Amino acid sequence: MNFRELQYIVAIAEEGGVTRAAEKLYVSQPTLSRFLQQHEQALGAQLFQRVNGRMVPTYLGEQYLKYARRILHLGDQMELELSDIVHQDKGRLRIASPKHRADGIILLSIMRFHEHFPNVEIKVIEETSEKREAALQRGDVDLALIFAARRDPSLIYEPVLEEQVLLCTPPDWSHTGGAAVVGPGEHPLIDLRVVAEEKFVLQSAASLTARIARTALSKAGVTPNVIVETTSLNGIVTVVSRGYALGFLPSSYVRASQAVRPIQAFSIGEFGTSMVLTAAYNANVYQPKYARDYIRILREVIREEYGTNSL
């Protein structure tokens, strides 16, 4: 039994049949069918049974696949670590990134990384936070950039950027509630009670930004009049800048948007209103040197763009 044979069985299970598995493996269908037949004869039992036109693992097949995937994973890790030792500048880096970052820090960091590691293939997957973390746990990506409110013990989270959730208003908006704004600065503190009668457009409830915003409003005794929820940060900026509603956005997005669609932004408090962007990776998977170098480069880009906000 060798790696190639294990890969064949795993491919048949993942594709649900020999024909599609053969296409994936770049072998002929008769060759793969013959291999499976001989392999099952050598084992003395069937690995697959046909159910509704698909090849489904038997109980023996399930156990076989469990160990096959472990062995193939260990083989990949061995190859990666040995290659890292020998070459150090060649390989592949798969990054799961947030969908809606307008500040460009991730693309800037990738371009700078490419300057230093031109022989490392880079693949970026833009997904929601939950899907980024799931991809990391499955081994589909090497790094995931995550605002981690809850931490999985199987993952390591390296903080790279802390940013505030800000209340955003149209550029000509003014509050009506006395001394509601406190202190100078780019984002003065606002008493959220003065927005109790305002309309809001918020991110969807699953987002960390929305959870922080709703918690802050609740602490102020405000039940927001939410007209719509959205996953589009750019849409929130557009709606707010045109005076339709107020919203909440991460400070990096506010900064990136000001040149295109000016808005006002206010701090909503110091405690519990910040988010930490982390570069997360699997604690049980070997990380090549260039993956660690990417995290360092990302921090450098953040420091240049935001000054002291780099962690």
C-alpha atoms as a PDB file:
ATOM      1  CA  MET A   1       0.000   0.000   0.000  1.00  0.00           C
ATOM      2  CA  ASN A   2       1.511   3.361  -1.056  1.00  0.00           C
ATOM      3  CA  PHE A   3       0.549   7.028  -1.226  1.00  0.00           C
ATOM      4  CA  ARG A   4      -0.721   6.755  -4.793  1.00  0.00           C
ATOM      5  CA  GLU A   5      -3.102   3.929  -3.865  1.00  0.00           C
ATOM      6  CA  LEU A   6      -4.392   5.878  -0.862  1.00  0.00           C
ATOM      7  CA  GLN A   7      -4.957   8.937  -3.076  1.00  0.00           C
ATOM      8  CA  TYR A   8      -6.950   6.788  -5.515  1.00  0.00           C
ATOM      9  CA  ILE A   9      -9.316   5.511  -2.817  1.00  0.00           C
ATOM     10  CA  VAL A  10      -9.782   8.985  -1.283  1.00  0.00           C
ATOM     11  CA  ALA A  11     -10.550  10.462  -4.723  1.00  0.00           C
ATOM     12  CA  ILE A  12     -13.190   7.796  -5.444  1.00  0.00           C
ATOM     13  CA  ALA A  13     -14.862   8.563  -2.107  1.00  0.00           C
ATOM     14  CA  GLU A  14     -14.768  12.339  -2.629  1.00  0.00           C
ATOM     15  CA  GLU A  15     -16.068  12.180  -6.207  1.00  0.00           C
ATOM     16  CA  GLY A  16     -18.655   9.461  -5.532  1.00  0.00           C
ATOM     17  CA  GLY A  17     -17.571   7.316  -8.441  1.00  0.00           C
ATOM     18  CA  VAL A  18     -14.716   6.021 -10.561  1.00  0.00           C
ATOM     19  CA  THR A  19     -15.319   8.123 -13.679  1.00  0.00           C
ATOM     20  CA  ARG A  20     -15.064  11.542 -11.999  1.00  0.00           C
ATOM     21  CA  ALA A  21     -12.232  10.338  -9.762  1.00  0.00           C
ATOM     22  CA  ALA A  22     -10.286   9.189 -12.831  1.00  0.00           C
ATOM     23  CA  GLU A  23     -10.709  12.650 -14.393  1.00  0.00           C
ATOM     24  CA  LYS A  24      -9.486  14.277 -11.181  1.00  0.00           C
ATOM     25  CA  LEU A  25      -6.483  11.942 -10.980  1.00  0.00           C
ATOM     26  CA  TYR A  26      -5.655  12.163 -14.722  1.00  0.00           C
ATOM     27  CA  VAL A  27      -5.830   8.395 -15.179  1.00  0.00           C
ATOM     28  CA  SER A  28      -8.113   6.368 -17.421  1.00  0.00           C
ATOM     29  CA  GLN A  29     -11.401   5.048 -16.072  1.00  0.00           C
ATOM     30  CA  PRO A  30     -10.547   1.392 -16.881  1.00  0.00           C
ATOM     31  CA  THR A  31      -7.205   1.745 -15.083  1.00  0.00           C
ATOM     32  CA  LEU A  32      -8.853   3.076 -11.937  1.00  0.00           C
ATOM     33  CA  SER A  33     -11.650   0.472 -12.047  1.00  0.00           C
ATOM     34  CA  ARG A  34      -9.088  -2.301 -12.389  1.00  0.00           C
ATOM     35  CA  PHE A  35      -7.061  -0.897  -9.494  1.00  0.00           C
ATOM     36  CA  LEU A  36     -10.129  -0.769  -7.222  1.00  0.00           C
ATOM     37  CA  GLN A  37     -11.128  -4.316  -8.073  1.00  0.00           C
ATOM     38  CA  GLN A  38      -7.623  -5.661  -7.395  1.00  0.00           C
ATOM     39  CA  HIS A  39      -7.288  -3.598  -4.226  1.00  0.00           C
ATOM     40  CA  GLU A  40     -10.582  -4.898  -2.814  1.00  0.00           C
ATOM     41  CA  GLN A  41      -9.587  -8.467  -3.717  1.00  0.00           C
ATOM     42  CA  ALA A  42      -6.306  -8.008  -1.828  1.00  0.00           C
ATOM     43  CA  LEU A  43      -8.207  -6.703   1.205  1.00  0.00           C
ATOM     44  CA  GLY A  44     -10.776  -9.468   0.998  1.00  0.00           C
ATOM     45  CA  ALA A  45     -13.779  -7.121   1.241  1.00  0.00           C
ATOM     46  CA  GLN A  46     -15.493  -4.227  -0.542  1.00  0.00           C
ATOM     47  CA  LEU A  47     -14.523  -0.643   0.209  1.00  0.00           C
ATOM     48  CA  PHE A  48     -17.541   0.821  -1.623  1.00  0.00           C
ATOM     49  CA  GLN A  49     -21.157  -0.004  -2.322  1.00  0.00           C
ATOM     50  CA  ARG A  50     -23.368   1.629  -4.947  1.00  0.00           C
ATOM     51  CA  VAL A  51     -26.273   3.695  -3.535  1.00  0.00           C
ATOM     52  CA  ASN A  52     -28.534   5.702  -5.873  1.00  0.00           C
ATOM     53  CA  GLY A  53     -25.872   5.800  -8.526  1.00  0.00           C
ATOM     54  CA  ARG A  54     -23.059   6.903  -6.187  1.00  0.00           C
ATOM     55  CA  MET A  55     -20.211   4.874  -4.736  1.00  0.00           C
ATOM     56  CA  VAL A  56     -20.549   5.121  -0.950  1.00  0.00           C
ATOM     57  CA  PRO A  57     -17.941   3.732   1.474  1.00  0.00           C
ATOM     58  CA  THR A  58     -18.816   0.585   3.394  1.00  0.00           C
ATOM     59  CA  TYR A  59     -17.965   0.439   7.090  1.00  0.00           C
ATOM     60  CA  LEU A  60     -14.572  -1.007   6.111  1.00  0.00           C
ATOM     61  CA  GLY A  61     -14.223   1.780   3.569  1.00  0.00           C
ATOM     62  CA  GLU A  62     -14.936   4.433   6.196  1.00  0.00           C
ATOM     63  CA  GLN A  63     -12.190   3.073   8.441  1.00  0.00           C
ATOM     64  CA  TYR A  64      -9.814   2.800   5.486  1.00  0.00           C
ATOM     65  CA  LEU A  65     -10.499   6.434   4.522  1.00  0.00           C
ATOM     66  CA  LYS A  66      -9.986   7.664   8.083  1.00  0.00           C
ATOM     67  CA  TYR A  67      -6.464   6.268   8.163  1.00  0.00           C
ATOM     68  CA  ALA A  68      -5.727   7.056   4.516  1.00  0.00           C
ATOM     69  CA  ARG A  69      -6.460  10.746   5.058  1.00  0.00           C
ATOM     70  CA  ARG A  70      -4.262  10.807   8.162  1.00  0.00           C
ATOM     71  CA  ILE A  71      -1.387   9.169   6.303  1.00  0.00           C
ATOM     72  CA  LEU A  72      -1.716  11.488   3.300  1.00  0.00           C
ATOM     73  CA  HIS A  73      -1.846  14.501   5.633  1.00  0.00           C
ATOM     74  CA  LEU A  74       1.338  13.350   7.375  1.00  0.00           C
ATOM     75  CA  GLY A  75       2.957  12.835   3.985  1.00  0.00           C
ATOM     76  CA  ASP A  76       2.049  16.380   2.952  1.00  0.00           C
ATOM     77  CA  GLN A  77       3.453  17.748   6.207  1.00  0.00           C
ATOM     78  CA  MET A  78       6.698  15.809   5.806  1.00  0.00           C
ATOM     79  CA  GLU A  79       7.107  17.016   2.225  1.00  0.00           C
ATOM     80  CA  LEU A  80       6.371  20.603   3.224  1.00  0.00           C
ATOM     81  CA  GLU A  81       8.815  20.653   6.121  1.00  0.00           C
ATOM     82  CA  LEU A  82      11.618  18.968   4.174  1.00  0.00           C
ATOM     83  CA  SER A  83      11.055  21.314   1.244  1.00  0.00           C
ATOM     84  CA  ASP A  84      11.156  24.258   3.622  1.00  0.00           C
ATOM     85  CA  ILE A  85      14.517  23.106   4.939  1.00  0.00           C
ATOM     86  CA  VAL A  86      15.970  22.552   1.468  1.00  0.00           C
ATOM     87  CA  HIS A  87      14.511  25.473  -0.496  1.00  0.00           C
ATOM     88  CA  GLN A  88      12.972  27.981   1.931  1.00  0.00           C
ATOM     89  CA  ASP A  89      11.804  30.206  -0.948  1.00  0.00           C
ATOM     90  CA  LYS A  90       9.502  27.861  -2.865  1.00  0.00           C
ATOM     91  CA  GLY A  91       6.035  26.599  -2.035  1.00  0.00           C
ATOM     92  CA  ARG A  92       2.392  27.576  -1.768  1.00  0.00           C
ATOM     93  CA  LEU A  93       0.564  29.926   0.585  1.00  0.00           C
ATOM     94  CA  ARG A  94      -3.234  29.743   0.824  1.00  0.00           C
ATOM     95  CA  ILE A  95      -4.853  32.632   2.682  1.00  0.00           C
ATOM     96  CA  ALA A  96      -8.506  32.952   3.712  1.00  0.00           C
ATOM     97  CA  SER A  97      -9.323  36.650   3.781  1.00  0.00           C
ATOM     98  CA  PRO A  98     -12.322  38.805   4.795  1.00  0.00           C
ATOM     99  CA  LYS A  99     -14.591  39.688   1.887  1.00  0.00           C
ATOM    100  CA  HIS A 100     -15.009  43.402   2.505  1.00  0.00           C
ATOM    101  CA  ARG A 101     -11.724  45.112   3.351  1.00  0.00           C
ATOM    102  CA  ALA A 102     -11.559  48.424   1.495  1.00  0.00           C
ATOM    103  CA  ASP A 103      -8.248  49.620   2.974  1.00  0.00           C
ATOM    104  CA  GLY A 104      -6.163  47.345   0.755  1.00  0.00           C
ATOM    105  CA  ILE A 105      -3.810  46.169   3.509  1.00  0.00           C
ATOM    106  CA  ILE A 106      -4.203  42.500   2.597  1.00  0.00           C
ATOM    107  CA  LEU A 107      -3.541  43.038  -1.104  1.00  0.00           C
ATOM    108  CA  LEU A 108      -0.633  45.354  -0.266  1.00  0.00           C
ATOM    109  CA  SER A 109       0.844  42.743   2.050  1.00  0.00           C
ATOM    110  CA  ILE A 110       0.488  40.044  -0.608  1.00  0.00           C
ATOM    111  CA  MET A 111       2.212  42.187  -3.240  1.00  0.00           C
ATOM    112  CA  ARG A 112       5.083  42.930  -0.874  1.00  0.00           C
ATOM    113  CA  PHE A 113       5.312  39.256   0.076  1.00  0.00           C
ATOM    114  CA  HIS A 114       5.540  38.369  -3.625  1.00  0.00           C
ATOM    115  CA  GLU A 115       8.494  40.747  -4.007  1.00  0.00           C
ATOM    116  CA  HIS A 116      10.374  38.786  -1.345  1.00  0.00           C
ATOM    117  CA  PHE A 117       9.086  35.305  -2.297  1.00  0.00           C
ATOM    118  CA  PRO A 118       8.407  35.324  -6.068  1.00  0.00           C
ATOM    119  CA  ASN A 119       8.491  31.515  -6.222  1.00  0.00           C
ATOM    120  CA  VAL A 120       5.759  31.000  -3.640  1.00  0.00           C
ATOM    121  CA  GLU A 121       2.353  30.474  -5.246  1.00  0.00           C
ATOM    122  CA  ILE A 122      -0.307  32.602  -3.502  1.00  0.00           C
ATOM    123  CA  LYS A 123      -3.988  31.737  -3.411  1.00  0.00           C
ATOM    124  CA  VAL A 124      -6.508  34.005  -1.678  1.00  0.00           C
ATOM    125  CA  ILE A 125      -9.989  32.804  -0.730  1.00  0.00           C
ATOM    126  CA  GLU A 126     -12.445  35.526   0.306  1.00  0.00           C
ATOM    127  CA  GLU A 127     -15.071  34.165   2.681  1.00  0.00           C
ATOM    128  CA  THR A 128     -17.154  34.896   5.757  1.00  0.00           C
ATOM    129  CA  SER A 129     -15.501  34.557   9.171  1.00  0.00           C
ATOM    130  CA  GLU A 130     -17.127  31.196   9.941  1.00  0.00           C
ATOM    131  CA  LYS A 131     -16.134  29.728   6.567  1.00  0.00           C
ATOM    132  CA  ARG A 132     -12.564  31.029   6.895  1.00  0.00           C
ATOM    133  CA  GLU A 133     -12.153  29.295  10.237  1.00  0.00           C
ATOM    134  CA  ALA A 134     -13.753  26.085   8.929  1.00  0.00           C
ATOM    135  CA  ALA A 135     -11.411  26.083   5.913  1.00  0.00           C
ATOM    136  CA  LEU A 136      -8.455  26.417   8.269  1.00  0.00           C
ATOM    137  CA  GLN A 137      -9.619  23.508  10.418  1.00  0.00           C
ATOM    138  CA  ARG A 138     -10.103  21.320   7.322  1.00  0.00           C
ATOM    139  CA  GLY A 139      -6.629  22.153   6.056  1.00  0.00           C
ATOM    140  CA  ASP A 140      -7.946  23.884   2.923  1.00  0.00           C
ATOM    141  CA  VAL A 141      -5.941  27.036   3.743  1.00  0.00           C
ATOM    142  CA  ASP A 142      -2.671  27.743   5.565  1.00  0.00           C
ATOM    143  CA  LEU A 143      -3.615  31.061   7.166  1.00  0.00           C
ATOM    144  CA  ALA A 144      -6.956  32.691   7.931  1.00  0.00           C
ATOM    145  CA  LEU A 145      -7.385  36.369   8.767  1.00  0.00           C
ATOM    146  CA  ILE A 146     -10.090  36.360  11.420  1.00  0.00           C
ATOM    147  CA  PHE A 147     -11.718  38.727  13.884  1.00  0.00           C
ATOM    148  CA  ALA A 148     -11.825  36.042  16.557  1.00  0.00           C
ATOM    149  CA  ALA A 149     -14.466  36.654  19.209  1.00  0.00           C
ATOM    150  CA  ARG A 150     -14.412  32.983  20.213  1.00  0.00           C
ATOM    151  CA  ARG A 151     -11.192  31.014  19.961  1.00  0.00           C
ATOM    152  CA  ASP A 152     -10.786  27.399  18.902  1.00  0.00           C
ATOM    153  CA  PRO A 153      -8.131  25.620  21.020  1.00  0.00           C
ATOM    154  CA  SER A 154      -6.833  23.770  17.940  1.00  0.00           C
ATOM    155  CA  LEU A 155      -5.867  27.072  16.288  1.00  0.00           C
ATOM    156  CA  ILE A 156      -3.182  29.655  17.060  1.00  0.00           C
ATOM    157  CA  TYR A 157      -4.240  33.306  16.711  1.00  0.00           C
ATOM    158  CA  GLU A 158      -1.579  35.985  16.204  1.00  0.00           C
ATOM    159  CA  PRO A 159      -3.002  39.530  16.591  1.00  0.00           C
ATOM    160  CA  VAL A 160      -2.087  41.895  13.767  1.00  0.00           C
ATOM    161  CA  LEU A 161      -4.524  44.853  13.971  1.00  0.00           C
ATOM    162  CA  GLU A 162      -6.844  46.355  16.549  1.00  0.00           C
ATOM    163  CA  GLU A 163      -9.586  48.654  15.308  1.00  0.00           C
ATOM    164  CA  GLN A 164     -12.597  50.386  16.783  1.00  0.00           C
ATOM    165  CA  VAL A 165     -16.228  50.048  15.793  1.00  0.00           C
ATOM    166  CA  LEU A 166     -17.434  53.593  15.066  1.00  0.00           C
ATOM    167  CA  LEU A 167     -20.847  55.207  14.745  1.00  0.00           C
ATOM    168  CA  CYS A 168     -21.063  56.680  11.243  1.00  0.00           C
ATOM    169  CA  THR A 169     -23.332  59.554  10.240  1.00  0.00           C
ATOM    170  CA  PRO A 170     -23.838  61.760   7.168  1.00  0.00           C
ATOM    171  CA  PRO A 171     -21.235  64.549   6.890  1.00  0.00           C
ATOM    172  CA  ASP A 172     -23.773  67.271   7.785  1.00  0.00           C
ATOM    173  CA  TRP A 173     -25.500  65.331  10.602  1.00  0.00           C
ATOM    174  CA  SER A 174     -25.779  67.001  13.994  1.00  0.00           C
ATOM    175  CA  HIS A 175     -27.121  65.607  17.256  1.00  0.00           C
ATOM    176  CA  THR A 176     -29.820  67.317  19.301  1.00  0.00           C
ATOM    177  CA  GLY A 177     -28.978  66.155  22.783  1.00  0.00           C
ATOM    178  CA  GLY A 178     -26.906  68.754  24.607  1.00  0.00           C
ATOM    179  CA  ALA A 179     -23.377  67.682  25.533  1.00  0.00           C
ATOM    180  CA  ALA A 180     -23.571  64.432  23.655  1.00  0.00           C
ATOM    181  CA  VAL A 181     -20.082  64.582  22.109  1.00  0.00           C
ATOM    182  CA  VAL A 182     -17.084  64.492  24.421  1.00  0.00           C
ATOM    183  CA  GLY A 183     -13.483  65.377  23.696  1.00  0.00           C
ATOM    184  CA  PRO A 184     -11.449  66.405  20.643  1.00  0.00           C
ATOM    185  CA  GLY A 185      -9.752  64.069  18.212  1.00  0.00           C
ATOM    186  CA  GLU A 186     -10.487  62.326  14.987  1.00  0.00           C
ATOM    187  CA  HIS A 187     -13.381  60.316  16.475  1.00  0.00           C
ATOM    188  CA  PRO A 188     -14.889  62.104  19.501  1.00  0.00           C
ATOM    189  CA  LEU A 189     -16.912  60.035  21.944  1.00  0.00           C
ATOM    190  CA  ILE A 190     -20.684  60.239  21.480  1.00  0.00           C
ATOM    191  CA  ASP A 191     -23.512  59.471  23.891  1.00  0.00           C
ATOM    192  CA  LEU A 192     -25.550  56.894  21.960  1.00  0.00           C
ATOM    193  CA  ARG A 193     -28.762  57.996  23.656  1.00  0.00           C
ATOM    194  CA  VAL A 194     -28.939  60.909  21.201  1.00  0.00           C
ATOM    195  CA  VAL A 195     -29.477  58.501  18.264  1.00  0.00           C
ATOM    196  CA  ALA A 196     -32.475  56.732  19.795  1.00  0.00           C
ATOM    197  CA  GLU A 197     -34.851  58.163  17.171  1.00  0.00           C
ATOM    198  CA  GLU A 198     -32.564  57.660  14.175  1.00  0.00           C
ATOM    199  CA  LYS A 199     -32.851  55.066  11.408  1.00  0.00           C
ATOM    200  CA  PHE A 200     -30.063  52.503  11.016  1.00  0.00           C
ATOM    201  CA  VAL A 201     -28.553  50.218   8.420  1.00  0.00           C
ATOM    202  CA  LEU A 202     -26.494  47.525  10.108  1.00  0.00           C
ATOM    203  CA  GLN A 203     -24.343  44.614   9.135  1.00  0.00           C
ATOM    204  CA  SER A 204     -25.972  41.213   9.405  1.00  0.00           C
ATOM    205  CA  ALA A 205     -26.350  39.923  12.957  1.00  0.00           C
ATOM    206  CA  ALA A 206     -23.647  37.272  12.496  1.00  0.00           C
ATOM    207  CA  SER A 207     -20.905  39.883  12.044  1.00  0.00           C
ATOM    208  CA  LEU A 208     -18.751  40.946  14.997  1.00  0.00           C
ATOM    209  CA  THR A 209     -19.229  44.616  14.066  1.00  0.00           C
ATOM    210  CA  ALA A 210     -23.011  44.257  14.372  1.00  0.00           C
ATOM    211  CA  ARG A 211     -22.759  42.410  17.688  1.00  0.00           C
ATOM    212  CA  ILE A 212     -20.538  45.124  19.159  1.00  0.00           C
ATOM    213  CA  ALA A 213     -22.850  47.867  17.851  1.00  0.00           C
ATOM    214  CA  ARG A 214     -26.001  46.237  19.203  1.00  0.00           C
ATOM    215  CA  THR A 215     -24.374  45.659  22.589  1.00  0.00           C
ATOM    216  CA  ALA A 216     -23.324  49.318  22.814  1.00  0.00           C
ATOM    217  CA  LEU A 217     -26.808  50.494  21.846  1.00  0.00           C
ATOM    218  CA  SER A 218     -28.386  48.162  24.384  1.00  0.00           C
ATOM    219  CA  LYS A 219     -26.124  49.462  27.159  1.00  0.00           C
ATOM    220  CA  ALA A 220     -27.271  52.981  26.243  1.00  0.00           C
ATOM    221  CA  GLY A 221     -30.903  51.875  26.456  1.00  0.00           C
ATOM    222  CA  VAL A 222     -31.443  52.299  22.718  1.00  0.00           C
ATOM    223  CA  THR A 223     -33.487  49.878  20.613  1.00  0.00           C
ATOM    224  CA  PRO A 224     -32.351  50.693  17.069  1.00  0.00           C
ATOM    225  CA  ASN A 225     -34.822  51.256  14.257  1.00  0.00           C
ATOM    226  CA  VAL A 226     -33.060  48.984  11.742  1.00  0.00           C
ATOM    227  CA  ILE A 227     -34.340  49.515   8.215  1.00  0.00           C
ATOM    228  CA  VAL A 228     -32.186  46.786   6.673  1.00  0.00           C
ATOM    229  CA  GLU A 229     -29.286  44.467   7.455  1.00  0.00           C
ATOM    230  CA  THR A 230     -26.555  43.841   4.883  1.00  0.00           C
ATOM    231  CA  THR A 231     -23.170  42.205   4.410  1.00  0.00           C
ATOM    232  CA  SER A 232     -21.991  45.109   2.224  1.00  0.00           C
ATOM    233  CA  LEU A 233     -19.823  47.615   4.082  1.00  0.00           C
ATOM    234  CA  ASN A 234     -19.641  49.697   0.919  1.00  0.00           C
ATOM    235  CA  GLY A 235     -23.433  49.763   0.838  1.00  0.00           C
ATOM    236  CA  ILE A 236     -23.534  51.054   4.425  1.00  0.00           C
ATOM    237  CA  VAL A 237     -21.109  53.866   3.527  1.00  0.00           C
ATOM    238  CA  THR A 238     -23.241  54.835   0.517  1.00  0.00           C
ATOM    239  CA  VAL A 239     -26.494  54.891   2.490  1.00  0.00           C
ATOM    240  CA  VAL A 240     -24.963  56.822   5.396  1.00  0.00           C
ATOM    241  CA  SER A 241     -23.131  59.361   3.209  1.00  0.00           C
ATOM    242  CA  ARG A 242     -26.400  60.189   1.412  1.00  0.00           C
ATOM    243  CA  GLY A 243     -28.269  60.774   4.649  1.00  0.00           C
ATOM    244  CA  TYR A 244     -30.688  57.842   4.598  1.00  0.00           C
ATOM    245  CA  ALA A 245     -29.574  56.295   7.900  1.00  0.00           C
ATOM    246  CA  LEU A 246     -26.775  55.898  10.446  1.00  0.00           C
ATOM    247  CA  GLY A 247     -24.519  52.866  10.648  1.00  0.00           C
ATOM    248  CA  PHE A 248     -21.555  51.267  12.376  1.00  0.00           C
ATOM    249  CA  LEU A 249     -18.259  50.467  10.650  1.00  0.00           C
ATOM    250  CA  PRO A 250     -14.714  49.375  11.552  1.00  0.00           C
ATOM    251  CA  SER A 251     -12.302  52.305  11.808  1.00  0.00           C
ATOM    252  CA  SER A 252     -10.134  51.001   8.942  1.00  0.00           C
ATOM    253  CA  TYR A 253     -13.112  51.021   6.583  1.00  0.00           C
ATOM    254  CA  VAL A 254     -14.091  54.539   7.639  1.00  0.00           C
ATOM    255  CA  ARG A 255     -10.578  55.762   6.907  1.00  0.00           C
ATOM    256  CA  ALA A 256     -10.463  54.062   3.503  1.00  0.00           C
ATOM    257  CA  SER A 257     -13.881  55.426   2.502  1.00  0.00           C
ATOM    258  CA  GLN A 258     -13.409  59.077   3.423  1.00  0.00           C
ATOM    259  CA  ALA A 259     -11.768  60.120   0.159  1.00  0.00           C
ATOM    260  CA  VAL A 260     -14.662  58.693  -1.900  1.00  0.00           C
ATOM    261  CA  ARG A 261     -17.728  59.198   0.313  1.00  0.00           C
ATOM    262  CA  PRO A 262     -17.121  61.543   3.264  1.00  0.00           C
ATOM    263  CA  ILE A 263     -18.931  60.619   6.493  1.00  0.00           C
ATOM    264  CA  GLN A 264     -18.663  61.590  10.148  1.00  0.00           C
ATOM    265  CA  ALA A 265     -17.445  58.976  12.601  1.00  0.00           C
ATOM    266  CA  PHE A 266     -17.746  58.882  16.401  1.00  0.00           C
ATOM    267  CA  SER A 267     -16.283  56.662  19.082  1.00  0.00           C
ATOM    268  CA  ILE A 268     -18.888  54.691  21.021  1.00  0.00           C
ATOM    269  CA  GLY A 269     -16.695  53.947  24.032  1.00  0.00           C
ATOM    270  CA  GLU A 270     -13.343  52.512  25.027  1.00  0.00           C
ATOM    271  CA  PHE A 271     -14.317  49.152  26.497  1.00  0.00           C
ATOM    272  CA  GLY A 272     -15.749  46.293  24.474  1.00  0.00           C
ATOM    273  CA  THR A 273     -15.972  48.290  21.243  1.00  0.00           C
ATOM    274  CA  SER A 274     -12.774  47.144  19.522  1.00  0.00           C
ATOM    275  CA  MET A 275     -12.018  44.171  17.270  1.00  0.00           C
ATOM    276  CA  VAL A 276      -8.695  42.397  16.878  1.00  0.00           C
ATOM    277  CA  LEU A 277      -7.795  41.024  13.449  1.00  0.00           C
ATOM    278  CA  THR A 278      -5.702  37.880  13.846  1.00  0.00           C
ATOM    279  CA  ALA A 279      -3.634  35.728  11.534  1.00  0.00           C
ATOM    280  CA  ALA A 280      -4.731  32.245  12.557  1.00  0.00           C
ATOM    281  CA  TYR A 281      -3.205  28.893  11.697  1.00  0.00           C
ATOM    282  CA  ASN A 282      -3.659  25.276  12.730  1.00  0.00           C
ATOM    283  CA  ALA A 283      -1.592  24.336  15.782  1.00  0.00           C
ATOM    284  CA  ASN A 284      -1.223  20.763  14.488  1.00  0.00           C
ATOM    285  CA  VAL A 285       0.022  21.671  11.010  1.00  0.00           C
ATOM    286  CA  TYR A 286       3.605  22.603  10.148  1.00  0.00           C
ATOM    287  CA  GLN A 287       3.947  26.237   9.084  1.00  0.00           C
ATOM    288  CA  PRO A 288       6.726  26.940   6.559  1.00  0.00           C
ATOM    289  CA  LYS A 289       9.022  29.866   7.213  1.00  0.00           C
ATOM    290  CA  TYR A 290       7.466  31.934   4.428  1.00  0.00           C
ATOM    291  CA  ALA A 291       4.042  31.680   6.112  1.00  0.00           C
ATOM    292  CA  ARG A 292       5.510  33.209   9.254  1.00  0.00           C
ATOM    293  CA  ASP A 293       7.237  35.813   7.078  1.00  0.00           C
ATOM    294  CA  TYR A 294       3.875  36.734   5.558  1.00  0.00           C
ATOM    295  CA  ILE A 295       2.489  37.532   9.028  1.00  0.00           C
ATOM    296  CA  ARG A 296       5.545  39.725   9.677  1.00  0.00           C
ATOM    297  CA  ILE A 297       5.061  41.534   6.349  1.00  0.00           C
ATOM    298  CA  LEU A 298       1.340  42.029   7.070  1.00  0.00           C
ATOM    299  CA  ARG A 299       2.245  43.694  10.373  1.00  0.00           C
ATOM    300  CA  GLU A 300       4.743  45.935   8.576  1.00  0.00           C
ATOM    301  CA  VAL A 301       2.102  47.076   6.069  1.00  0.00           C
ATOM    302  CA  ILE A 302      -0.409  47.758   8.855  1.00  0.00           C
ATOM    303  CA  ARG A 303       2.181  49.769  10.779  1.00  0.00           C
ATOM    304  CA  GLU A 304       2.904  51.888   7.695  1.00  0.00           C
ATOM    305  CA  GLU A 305      -0.789  52.437   6.944  1.00  0.00           C
ATOM    306  CA  TYR A 306      -2.060  52.969  10.499  1.00  0.00           C
ATOM    307  CA  GLY A 307       0.975  53.874  12.586  1.00  0.00           C
ATOM    308  CA  THR A 308       0.650  52.397  16.083  1.00  0.00           C
ATOM    309  CA  ASN A 309      -2.347  50.163  15.266  1.00  0.00           C
ATOM    310  CA  SER A 310      -0.097  47.236  14.369  1.00  0.00           C
ATOM    311  CA  LEU A 311       0.076  44.554  17.095  1.00  0.00           C
END
